[in-house]
Amino acid sequence: EARMQELFKQEYVSRQELEQAVQARRSSEAQLAQARAA
């Protein structure tokens, strides 16, 4: 997500690719919370 933020500022990637990176980070954090609860 951090790399996508820098590339998006330099207009090397589209907004959709940035949003996909954000969604992947949030999903992985939710999986971490679920794993910790288990």
PDB file of all heavy atoms in Angstrom:
ATOM      1  N   GLU A   1       0.835  -1.208   0.000  1.00  0.00           N
ATOM      2  CA  GLU A   1       0.000   0.000   0.000  1.00  0.00           C
ATOM      3  C   GLU A   1       0.867   1.255   0.000  1.00  0.00           C
ATOM      4  O   GLU A   1       0.563   2.234  -0.717  1.00  0.00           O
ATOM      5  CB  GLU A   1      -0.923  -0.015   1.220  1.00  0.00           C
ATOM      6  CG  GLU A   1      -1.826   1.213   1.292  1.00  0.00           C
ATOM      7  CD  GLU A   1      -2.618   1.281   2.587  1.00  0.00           C
ATOM      8  OE1 GLU A   1      -2.413   0.414   3.477  1.00  0.00           O
ATOM      9  OE2 GLU A   1      -3.454   2.208   2.732  1.00  0.00           O
ATOM     10  N   ALA A   2       1.965   1.237   0.750  1.00  0.00           N
ATOM     11  CA  ALA A   2       2.839   2.407   0.793  1.00  0.00           C
ATOM     12  C   ALA A   2       3.462   2.667  -0.578  1.00  0.00           C
ATOM     13  O   ALA A   2       3.561   3.827  -1.025  1.00  0.00           O
ATOM     14  CB  ALA A   2       3.925   2.210   1.855  1.00  0.00           C
ATOM     15  N   ARG A   3       3.898   1.616  -1.279  1.00  0.00           N
ATOM     16  CA  ARG A   3       4.481   1.798  -2.609  1.00  0.00           C
ATOM     17  C   ARG A   3       3.432   2.333  -3.573  1.00  0.00           C
ATOM     18  O   ARG A   3       3.704   3.197  -4.413  1.00  0.00           O
ATOM     19  CB  ARG A   3       5.049   0.472  -3.119  1.00  0.00           C
ATOM     20  CG  ARG A   3       6.390   0.101  -2.495  1.00  0.00           C
ATOM     21  CD  ARG A   3       7.060  -1.028  -3.251  1.00  0.00           C
ATOM     22  NE  ARG A   3       6.268  -2.276  -3.182  1.00  0.00           N
ATOM     23  CZ  ARG A   3       6.382  -3.186  -2.232  1.00  0.00           C
ATOM     24  NH1 ARG A   3       7.284  -3.001  -1.269  1.00  0.00           N
ATOM     25  NH2 ARG A   3       5.636  -4.274  -2.258  1.00  0.00           N
ATOM     26  N   MET A   4       2.201   1.802  -3.482  1.00  0.00           N
ATOM     27  CA  MET A   4       1.149   2.272  -4.374  1.00  0.00           C
ATOM     28  C   MET A   4       0.838   3.742  -4.132  1.00  0.00           C
ATOM     29  O   MET A   4       0.523   4.492  -5.068  1.00  0.00           O
ATOM     30  CB  MET A   4      -0.123   1.426  -4.182  1.00  0.00           C
ATOM     31  CG  MET A   4      -0.012   0.041  -4.789  1.00  0.00           C
ATOM     32  SD  MET A   4       0.157   0.116  -6.596  1.00  0.00           S
ATOM     33  CE  MET A   4       0.280  -1.628  -6.980  1.00  0.00           C
ATOM     34  N   GLN A   5       0.921   4.169  -2.889  1.00  0.00           N
ATOM     35  CA  GLN A   5       0.687   5.581  -2.598  1.00  0.00           C
ATOM     36  C   GLN A   5       1.739   6.459  -3.314  1.00  0.00           C
ATOM     37  O   GLN A   5       1.401   7.493  -3.915  1.00  0.00           O
ATOM     38  CB  GLN A   5       0.739   5.815  -1.076  1.00  0.00           C
ATOM     39  CG  GLN A   5      -0.394   5.203  -0.293  1.00  0.00           C
ATOM     40  CD  GLN A   5      -1.696   6.002  -0.406  1.00  0.00           C
ATOM     41  OE1 GLN A   5      -1.731   7.060  -1.079  1.00  0.00           O
ATOM     42  NE2 GLN A   5      -2.757   5.484   0.192  1.00  0.00           N
ATOM     43  N   GLU A   6       3.024   6.079  -3.273  1.00  0.00           N
ATOM     44  CA  GLU A   6       4.074   6.856  -3.925  1.00  0.00           C
ATOM     45  C   GLU A   6       3.920   6.818  -5.444  1.00  0.00           C
ATOM     46  O   GLU A   6       4.075   7.841  -6.133  1.00  0.00           O
ATOM     47  CB  GLU A   6       5.443   6.312  -3.525  1.00  0.00           C
ATOM     48  CG  GLU A   6       5.785   6.497  -2.068  1.00  0.00           C
ATOM     49  CD  GLU A   6       5.888   7.972  -1.692  1.00  0.00           C
ATOM     50  OE1 GLU A   6       6.278   8.788  -2.571  1.00  0.00           O
ATOM     51  OE2 GLU A   6       5.566   8.304  -0.530  1.00  0.00           O
ATOM     52  N   LEU A   7       3.606   5.653  -5.983  1.00  0.00           N
ATOM     53  CA  LEU A   7       3.447   5.558  -7.432  1.00  0.00           C
ATOM     54  C   LEU A   7       2.229   6.324  -7.921  1.00  0.00           C
ATOM     55  O   LEU A   7       2.231   6.887  -9.029  1.00  0.00           O
ATOM     56  CB  LEU A   7       3.338   4.078  -7.860  1.00  0.00           C
ATOM     57  CG  LEU A   7       4.598   3.236  -7.650  1.00  0.00           C
ATOM     58  CD1 LEU A   7       4.331   1.772  -7.984  1.00  0.00           C
ATOM     59  CD2 LEU A   7       5.736   3.778  -8.536  1.00  0.00           C
ATOM     60  N   PHE A   8       1.158   6.333  -7.086  1.00  0.00           N
ATOM     61  CA  PHE A   8      -0.038   7.073  -7.482  1.00  0.00           C
ATOM     62  C   PHE A   8       0.241   8.575  -7.510  1.00  0.00           C
ATOM     63  O   PHE A   8      -0.267   9.297  -8.384  1.00  0.00           O
ATOM     64  CB  PHE A   8      -1.186   6.761  -6.525  1.00  0.00           C
ATOM     65  CG  PHE A   8      -2.439   7.507  -6.829  1.00  0.00           C
ATOM     66  CD1 PHE A   8      -3.236   7.158  -7.925  1.00  0.00           C
ATOM     67  CD2 PHE A   8      -2.820   8.603  -6.059  1.00  0.00           C
ATOM     68  CE1 PHE A   8      -4.389   7.873  -8.215  1.00  0.00           C
ATOM     69  CE2 PHE A   8      -3.975   9.314  -6.347  1.00  0.00           C
ATOM     70  CZ  PHE A   8      -4.776   8.943  -7.432  1.00  0.00           C
ATOM     71  N   LYS A   9       1.073   9.055  -6.595  1.00  0.00           N
ATOM     72  CA  LYS A   9       1.418  10.468  -6.591  1.00  0.00           C
ATOM     73  C   LYS A   9       2.195  10.832  -7.853  1.00  0.00           C
ATOM     74  O   LYS A   9       2.101  11.954  -8.351  1.00  0.00           O
ATOM     75  CB  LYS A   9       2.245  10.806  -5.357  1.00  0.00           C
ATOM     76  CG  LYS A   9       1.451  10.725  -4.059  1.00  0.00           C
ATOM     77  CD  LYS A   9       2.352  11.034  -2.858  1.00  0.00           C
ATOM     78  CE  LYS A   9       1.595  10.932  -1.545  1.00  0.00           C
ATOM     79  NZ  LYS A   9       2.452  11.218  -0.378  1.00  0.00           N
ATOM     80  N   GLN A  10       3.020   9.897  -8.352  1.00  0.00           N
ATOM     81  CA  GLN A  10       3.795  10.176  -9.565  1.00  0.00           C
ATOM     82  C   GLN A  10       3.031   9.776 -10.823  1.00  0.00           C
ATOM     83  O   GLN A  10       3.587   9.800 -11.909  1.00  0.00           O
ATOM     84  CB  GLN A  10       5.124   9.404  -9.504  1.00  0.00           C
ATOM     85  CG  GLN A  10       5.989   9.805  -8.328  1.00  0.00           C
ATOM     86  CD  GLN A  10       7.255   8.963  -8.224  1.00  0.00           C
ATOM     87  OE1 GLN A  10       7.578   8.196  -9.170  1.00  0.00           O
ATOM     88  NE2 GLN A  10       7.957   9.095  -7.106  1.00  0.00           N
ATOM     89  N   GLU A  11       1.771   9.342 -10.640  1.00  0.00           N
ATOM     90  CA  GLU A  11       0.871   8.984 -11.728  1.00  0.00           C
ATOM     91  C   GLU A  11       1.377   7.799 -12.544  1.00  0.00           C
ATOM     92  O   GLU A  11       1.181   7.715 -13.749  1.00  0.00           O
ATOM     93  CB  GLU A  11       0.618  10.182 -12.660  1.00  0.00           C
ATOM     94  CG  GLU A  11      -0.069  11.337 -11.964  1.00  0.00           C
ATOM     95  CD  GLU A  11      -0.345  12.493 -12.911  1.00  0.00           C
ATOM     96  OE1 GLU A  11       0.094  12.375 -14.085  1.00  0.00           O
ATOM     97  OE2 GLU A  11      -0.994  13.456 -12.485  1.00  0.00           O
ATOM     98  N   TYR A  12       2.046   6.841 -11.837  1.00  0.00           N
ATOM     99  CA  TYR A  12       2.483   5.623 -12.503  1.00  0.00           C
ATOM    100  C   TYR A  12       1.436   4.502 -12.420  1.00  0.00           C
ATOM    101  O   TYR A  12       1.489   3.535 -13.169  1.00  0.00           O
ATOM    102  CB  TYR A  12       3.801   5.117 -11.922  1.00  0.00           C
ATOM    103  CG  TYR A  12       4.983   5.965 -12.315  1.00  0.00           C
ATOM    104  CD1 TYR A  12       5.709   6.676 -11.363  1.00  0.00           C
ATOM    105  CD2 TYR A  12       5.398   6.024 -13.665  1.00  0.00           C
ATOM    106  CE1 TYR A  12       6.797   7.452 -11.729  1.00  0.00           C
ATOM    107  CE2 TYR A  12       6.478   6.799 -14.037  1.00  0.00           C
ATOM    108  CZ  TYR A  12       7.178   7.505 -13.064  1.00  0.00           C
ATOM    109  OH  TYR A  12       8.250   8.278 -13.437  1.00  0.00           O
ATOM    110  N   VAL A  13       0.539   4.612 -11.432  1.00  0.00           N
ATOM    111  CA  VAL A  13      -0.531   3.615 -11.281  1.00  0.00           C
ATOM    112  C   VAL A  13      -1.854   4.349 -11.217  1.00  0.00           C
ATOM    113  O   VAL A  13      -1.924   5.551 -10.914  1.00  0.00           O
ATOM    114  CB  VAL A  13      -0.342   2.774 -10.000  1.00  0.00           C
ATOM    115  CG1 VAL A  13       0.918   1.919 -10.079  1.00  0.00           C
ATOM    116  CG2 VAL A  13      -0.342   3.645  -8.763  1.00  0.00           C
ATOM    117  N   SER A  14      -2.901   3.600 -11.525  1.00  0.00           N
ATOM    118  CA  SER A  14      -4.238   4.197 -11.500  1.00  0.00           C
ATOM    119  C   SER A  14      -4.806   4.178 -10.065  1.00  0.00           C
ATOM    120  O   SER A  14      -4.302   3.502  -9.161  1.00  0.00           O
ATOM    121  CB  SER A  14      -5.167   3.430 -12.442  1.00  0.00           C
ATOM    122  OG  SER A  14      -5.353   2.100 -11.961  1.00  0.00           O
ATOM    123  N   ARG A  15      -5.908   4.910  -9.880  1.00  0.00           N
ATOM    124  CA  ARG A  15      -6.584   4.937  -8.571  1.00  0.00           C
ATOM    125  C   ARG A  15      -7.154   3.554  -8.216  1.00  0.00           C
ATOM    126  O   ARG A  15      -7.175   3.175  -7.038  1.00  0.00           O
ATOM    127  CB  ARG A  15      -7.676   5.985  -8.569  1.00  0.00           C
ATOM    128  CG  ARG A  15      -8.464   6.087  -7.273  1.00  0.00           C
ATOM    129  CD  ARG A  15      -9.421   7.242  -7.300  1.00  0.00           C
ATOM    130  NE  ARG A  15      -8.682   8.497  -7.359  1.00  0.00           N
ATOM    131  CZ  ARG A  15      -8.238   9.149  -6.282  1.00  0.00           C
ATOM    132  NH1 ARG A  15      -8.398   8.624  -5.065  1.00  0.00           N
ATOM    133  NH2 ARG A  15      -7.594  10.281  -6.411  1.00  0.00           N
ATOM    134  N   GLN A  16      -7.585   2.808  -9.206  1.00  0.00           N
ATOM    135  CA  GLN A  16      -8.147   1.480  -8.929  1.00  0.00           C
ATOM    136  C   GLN A  16      -7.079   0.559  -8.336  1.00  0.00           C
ATOM    137  O   GLN A  16      -7.355  -0.181  -7.383  1.00  0.00           O
ATOM    138  CB  GLN A  16      -8.699   0.870 -10.218  1.00  0.00           C
ATOM    139  CG  GLN A  16      -9.318  -0.501 -10.013  1.00  0.00           C
ATOM    140  CD  GLN A  16      -9.859  -1.079 -11.310  1.00  0.00           C
ATOM    141  OE1 GLN A  16      -9.706  -0.468 -12.388  1.00  0.00           O
ATOM    142  NE2 GLN A  16     -10.489  -2.246 -11.214  1.00  0.00           N
ATOM    143  N   GLU A  17      -5.859   0.635  -8.874  1.00  0.00           N
ATOM    144  CA  GLU A  17      -4.795  -0.205  -8.322  1.00  0.00           C
ATOM    145  C   GLU A  17      -4.456   0.193  -6.890  1.00  0.00           C
ATOM    146  O   GLU A  17      -4.161  -0.651  -6.049  1.00  0.00           O
ATOM    147  CB  GLU A  17      -3.560  -0.101  -9.218  1.00  0.00           C
ATOM    148  CG  GLU A  17      -3.762  -0.722 -10.596  1.00  0.00           C
ATOM    149  CD  GLU A  17      -2.571  -0.493 -11.510  1.00  0.00           C
ATOM    150  OE1 GLU A  17      -1.980   0.614 -11.425  1.00  0.00           O
ATOM    151  OE2 GLU A  17      -2.243  -1.407 -12.291  1.00  0.00           O
ATOM    152  N   LEU A  18      -4.517   1.505  -6.604  1.00  0.00           N
ATOM    153  CA  LEU A  18      -4.266   1.966  -5.234  1.00  0.00           C
ATOM    154  C   LEU A  18      -5.344   1.449  -4.292  1.00  0.00           C
ATOM    155  O   LEU A  18      -5.059   0.977  -3.179  1.00  0.00           O
ATOM    156  CB  LEU A  18      -4.215   3.496  -5.211  1.00  0.00           C
ATOM    157  CG  LEU A  18      -4.081   4.129  -3.815  1.00  0.00           C
ATOM    158  CD1 LEU A  18      -2.778   3.675  -3.147  1.00  0.00           C
ATOM    159  CD2 LEU A  18      -4.144   5.657  -3.909  1.00  0.00           C
ATOM    160  N   GLU A  19      -6.611   1.513  -4.725  1.00  0.00           N
ATOM    161  CA  GLU A  19      -7.696   1.051  -3.870  1.00  0.00           C
ATOM    162  C   GLU A  19      -7.620  -0.457  -3.638  1.00  0.00           C
ATOM    163  O   GLU A  19      -7.964  -0.952  -2.556  1.00  0.00           O
ATOM    164  CB  GLU A  19      -9.033   1.413  -4.502  1.00  0.00           C
ATOM    165  CG  GLU A  19      -9.302   2.926  -4.488  1.00  0.00           C
ATOM    166  CD  GLU A  19     -10.571   3.305  -5.215  1.00  0.00           C
ATOM    167  OE1 GLU A  19     -11.158   2.399  -5.881  1.00  0.00           O
ATOM    168  OE2 GLU A  19     -10.996   4.467  -5.114  1.00  0.00           O
ATOM    169  N   GLN A  20      -7.173  -1.201  -4.634  1.00  0.00           N
ATOM    170  CA  GLN A  20      -6.987  -2.640  -4.430  1.00  0.00           C
ATOM    171  C   GLN A  20      -5.905  -2.924  -3.390  1.00  0.00           C
ATOM    172  O   GLN A  20      -6.026  -3.861  -2.594  1.00  0.00           O
ATOM    173  CB  GLN A  20      -6.638  -3.298  -5.759  1.00  0.00           C
ATOM    174  CG  GLN A  20      -7.800  -3.363  -6.735  1.00  0.00           C
ATOM    175  CD  GLN A  20      -7.411  -3.954  -8.080  1.00  0.00           C
ATOM    176  OE1 GLN A  20      -6.201  -4.115  -8.357  1.00  0.00           O
ATOM    177  NE2 GLN A  20      -8.395  -4.248  -8.923  1.00  0.00           N
ATOM    178  N   ALA A  21      -4.852  -2.132  -3.381  1.00  0.00           N
ATOM    179  CA  ALA A  21      -3.791  -2.305  -2.388  1.00  0.00           C
ATOM    180  C   ALA A  21      -4.307  -1.991  -0.985  1.00  0.00           C
ATOM    181  O   ALA A  21      -3.966  -2.670  -0.001  1.00  0.00           O
ATOM    182  CB  ALA A  21      -2.601  -1.422  -2.729  1.00  0.00           C
ATOM    183  N   VAL A  22      -5.156  -0.934  -0.884  1.00  0.00           N
ATOM    184  CA  VAL A  22      -5.738  -0.588   0.432  1.00  0.00           C
ATOM    185  C   VAL A  22      -6.650  -1.716   0.909  1.00  0.00           C
ATOM    186  O   VAL A  22      -6.642  -2.099   2.082  1.00  0.00           O
ATOM    187  CB  VAL A  22      -6.484   0.752   0.319  1.00  0.00           C
ATOM    188  CG1 VAL A  22      -7.259   1.032   1.601  1.00  0.00           C
ATOM    189  CG2 VAL A  22      -5.528   1.887  -0.010  1.00  0.00           C
ATOM    190  N   GLN A  23      -7.449  -2.248  -0.045  1.00  0.00           N
ATOM    191  CA  GLN A  23      -8.372  -3.338   0.344  1.00  0.00           C
ATOM    192  C   GLN A  23      -7.587  -4.573   0.782  1.00  0.00           C
ATOM    193  O   GLN A  23      -7.986  -5.265   1.739  1.00  0.00           O
ATOM    194  CB  GLN A  23      -9.280  -3.670  -0.842  1.00  0.00           C
ATOM    195  CG  GLN A  23     -10.382  -4.681  -0.547  1.00  0.00           C
ATOM    196  CD  GLN A  23      -9.931  -6.116  -0.722  1.00  0.00           C
ATOM    197  OE1 GLN A  23      -8.966  -6.353  -1.488  1.00  0.00           O
ATOM    198  NE2 GLN A  23     -10.568  -7.032  -0.008  1.00  0.00           N
ATOM    199  N   ALA A  24      -6.489  -4.894   0.160  1.00  0.00           N
ATOM    200  CA  ALA A  24      -5.681  -6.058   0.539  1.00  0.00           C
ATOM    201  C   ALA A  24      -5.084  -5.865   1.928  1.00  0.00           C
ATOM    202  O   ALA A  24      -5.028  -6.806   2.730  1.00  0.00           O
ATOM    203  CB  ALA A  24      -4.588  -6.280  -0.493  1.00  0.00           C
ATOM    204  N   ARG A  25      -4.667  -4.627   2.244  1.00  0.00           N
ATOM    205  CA  ARG A  25      -4.117  -4.372   3.582  1.00  0.00           C
ATOM    206  C   ARG A  25      -5.177  -4.529   4.644  1.00  0.00           C
ATOM    207  O   ARG A  25      -4.956  -5.135   5.701  1.00  0.00           O
ATOM    208  CB  ARG A  25      -3.509  -2.974   3.590  1.00  0.00           C
ATOM    209  CG  ARG A  25      -2.733  -2.636   4.844  1.00  0.00           C
ATOM    210  CD  ARG A  25      -3.575  -1.797   5.822  1.00  0.00           C
ATOM    211  NE  ARG A  25      -4.092  -0.609   5.168  1.00  0.00           N
ATOM    212  CZ  ARG A  25      -5.027   0.163   5.732  1.00  0.00           C
ATOM    213  NH1 ARG A  25      -5.563  -0.165   6.918  1.00  0.00           N
ATOM    214  NH2 ARG A  25      -5.474   1.242   5.076  1.00  0.00           N
ATOM    215  N   ARG A  26      -6.396  -3.979   4.399  1.00  0.00           N
ATOM    216  CA  ARG A  26      -7.465  -4.098   5.383  1.00  0.00           C
ATOM    217  C   ARG A  26      -7.890  -5.561   5.582  1.00  0.00           C
ATOM    218  O   ARG A  26      -8.166  -5.987   6.693  1.00  0.00           O
ATOM    219  CB  ARG A  26      -8.651  -3.258   4.945  1.00  0.00           C
ATOM    220  CG  ARG A  26      -8.386  -1.749   4.997  1.00  0.00           C
ATOM    221  CD  ARG A  26      -9.604  -0.978   4.500  1.00  0.00           C
ATOM    222  NE  ARG A  26      -9.386   0.469   4.596  1.00  0.00           N
ATOM    223  CZ  ARG A  26     -10.253   1.380   4.144  1.00  0.00           C
ATOM    224  NH1 ARG A  26     -11.396   0.980   3.562  1.00  0.00           N
ATOM    225  NH2 ARG A  26      -9.984   2.662   4.268  1.00  0.00           N
ATOM    226  N   SER A  27      -7.947  -6.302   4.511  1.00  0.00           N
ATOM    227  CA  SER A  27      -8.337  -7.712   4.613  1.00  0.00           C
ATOM    228  C   SER A  27      -7.316  -8.512   5.410  1.00  0.00           C
ATOM    229  O   SER A  27      -7.684  -9.358   6.244  1.00  0.00           O
ATOM    230  CB  SER A  27      -8.484  -8.305   3.211  1.00  0.00           C
ATOM    231  OG  SER A  27      -8.802  -9.678   3.287  1.00  0.00           O
ATOM    232  N   SER A  28      -6.059  -8.244   5.182  1.00  0.00           N
ATOM    233  CA  SER A  28      -5.024  -8.966   5.924  1.00  0.00           C
ATOM    234  C   SER A  28      -5.057  -8.589   7.405  1.00  0.00           C
ATOM    235  O   SER A  28      -4.823  -9.429   8.283  1.00  0.00           O
ATOM    236  CB  SER A  28      -3.646  -8.680   5.323  1.00  0.00           C
ATOM    237  OG  SER A  28      -3.357  -7.287   5.380  1.00  0.00           O
ATOM    238  N   GLU A  29      -5.365  -7.323   7.726  1.00  0.00           N
ATOM    239  CA  GLU A  29      -5.472  -6.926   9.141  1.00  0.00           C
ATOM    240  C   GLU A  29      -6.664  -7.621   9.816  1.00  0.00           C
ATOM    241  O   GLU A  29      -6.580  -8.021  10.985  1.00  0.00           O
ATOM    242  CB  GLU A  29      -5.613  -5.408   9.233  1.00  0.00           C
ATOM    243  CG  GLU A  29      -4.338  -4.655   8.889  1.00  0.00           C
ATOM    244  CD  GLU A  29      -4.527  -3.142   8.929  1.00  0.00           C
ATOM    245  OE1 GLU A  29      -5.701  -2.692   8.959  1.00  0.00           O
ATOM    246  OE2 GLU A  29      -3.510  -2.415   8.922  1.00  0.00           O
ATOM    247  N   ALA A  30      -7.767  -7.773   9.080  1.00  0.00           N
ATOM    248  CA  ALA A  30      -8.922  -8.485   9.635  1.00  0.00           C
ATOM    249  C   ALA A  30      -8.582  -9.960   9.870  1.00  0.00           C
ATOM    250  O   ALA A  30      -8.980 -10.540  10.897  1.00  0.00           O
ATOM    251  CB  ALA A  30     -10.119  -8.349   8.701  1.00  0.00           C
ATOM    252  N   GLN A  31      -7.851 -10.560   8.956  1.00  0.00           N
ATOM    253  CA  GLN A  31      -7.441 -11.947   9.147  1.00  0.00           C
ATOM    254  C   GLN A  31      -6.505 -12.093  10.348  1.00  0.00           C
ATOM    255  O   GLN A  31      -6.552 -13.089  11.070  1.00  0.00           O
ATOM    256  CB  GLN A  31      -6.762 -12.456   7.881  1.00  0.00           C
ATOM    257  CG  GLN A  31      -7.713 -12.588   6.697  1.00  0.00           C
ATOM    258  CD  GLN A  31      -6.999 -13.017   5.429  1.00  0.00           C
ATOM    259  OE1 GLN A  31      -5.776 -13.275   5.429  1.00  0.00           O
ATOM    260  NE2 GLN A  31      -7.730 -13.062   4.326  1.00  0.00           N
ATOM    261  N   LEU A  32      -5.684 -11.071  10.599  1.00  0.00           N
ATOM    262  CA  LEU A  32      -4.794 -11.104  11.755  1.00  0.00           C
ATOM    263  C   LEU A  32      -5.604 -11.042  13.064  1.00  0.00           C
ATOM    264  O   LEU A  32      -5.314 -11.766  14.013  1.00  0.00           O
ATOM    265  CB  LEU A  32      -3.804  -9.939  11.681  1.00  0.00           C
ATOM    266  CG  LEU A  32      -2.848  -9.810  12.865  1.00  0.00           C
ATOM    267  CD1 LEU A  32      -1.986 -11.058  12.997  1.00  0.00           C
ATOM    268  CD2 LEU A  32      -1.984  -8.557  12.725  1.00  0.00           C
ATOM    269  N   ALA A  33      -6.623 -10.164  13.070  1.00  0.00           N
ATOM    270  CA  ALA A  33      -7.471 -10.093  14.263  1.00  0.00           C
ATOM    271  C   ALA A  33      -8.197 -11.410  14.505  1.00  0.00           C
ATOM    272  O   ALA A  33      -8.331 -11.873  15.644  1.00  0.00           O
ATOM    273  CB  ALA A  33      -8.475  -8.949  14.104  1.00  0.00           C
ATOM    274  N   GLN A  34      -8.665 -12.048  13.430  1.00  0.00           N
ATOM    275  CA  GLN A  34      -9.342 -13.331  13.559  1.00  0.00           C
ATOM    276  C   GLN A  34      -8.378 -14.408  14.070  1.00  0.00           C
ATOM    277  O   GLN A  34      -8.742 -15.228  14.918  1.00  0.00           O
ATOM    278  CB  GLN A  34      -9.925 -13.735  12.210  1.00  0.00           C
ATOM    279  CG  GLN A  34     -10.742 -15.014  12.250  1.00  0.00           C
ATOM    280  CD  GLN A  34     -11.361 -15.337  10.903  1.00  0.00           C
ATOM    281  OE1 GLN A  34     -11.137 -14.621   9.918  1.00  0.00           O
ATOM    282  NE2 GLN A  34     -12.140 -16.403  10.861  1.00  0.00           N
ATOM    283  N   ALA A  35      -7.165 -14.407  13.569  1.00  0.00           N
ATOM    284  CA  ALA A  35      -6.175 -15.392  14.009  1.00  0.00           C
ATOM    285  C   ALA A  35      -5.818 -15.188  15.476  1.00  0.00           C
ATOM    286  O   ALA A  35      -5.649 -16.155  16.228  1.00  0.00           O
ATOM    287  CB  ALA A  35      -4.932 -15.300  13.134  1.00  0.00           C
ATOM    288  N   ARG A  36      -5.681 -13.928  15.878  1.00  0.00           N
ATOM    289  CA  ARG A  36      -5.376 -13.656  17.292  1.00  0.00           C
ATOM    290  C   ARG A  36      -6.531 -14.093  18.206  1.00  0.00           C
ATOM    291  O   ARG A  36      -6.311 -14.605  19.307  1.00  0.00           O
ATOM    292  CB  ARG A  36      -5.082 -12.182  17.476  1.00  0.00           C
ATOM    293  CG  ARG A  36      -3.706 -11.772  16.928  1.00  0.00           C
ATOM    294  CD  ARG A  36      -3.515 -10.282  17.012  1.00  0.00           C
ATOM    295  NE  ARG A  36      -2.156  -9.916  16.590  1.00  0.00           N
ATOM    296  CZ  ARG A  36      -1.752  -8.652  16.406  1.00  0.00           C
ATOM    297  NH1 ARG A  36      -2.620  -7.630  16.577  1.00  0.00           N
ATOM    298  NH2 ARG A  36      -0.513  -8.408  16.029  1.00  0.00           N
ATOM    299  N   ALA A  37      -7.792 -13.884  17.785  1.00  0.00           N
ATOM    300  CA  ALA A  37      -8.938 -14.316  18.588  1.00  0.00           C
ATOM    301  C   ALA A  37      -8.951 -15.834  18.730  1.00  0.00           C
ATOM    302  O   ALA A  37      -9.220 -16.372  19.822  1.00  0.00           O
ATOM    303  CB  ALA A  37     -10.235 -13.827  17.945  1.00  0.00           C
ATOM    304  N   ALA A  38      -8.646 -16.541  17.630  1.00  0.00           N
ATOM    305  CA  ALA A  38      -8.591 -17.999  17.710  1.00  0.00           C
ATOM    306  C   ALA A  38      -7.472 -18.459  18.635  1.00  0.00           C
ATOM    307  O   ALA A  38      -7.629 -19.423  19.392  1.00  0.00           O
ATOM    308  CB  ALA A  38      -8.417 -18.585  16.313  1.00  0.00           C
TER     309      ALA A  38
END
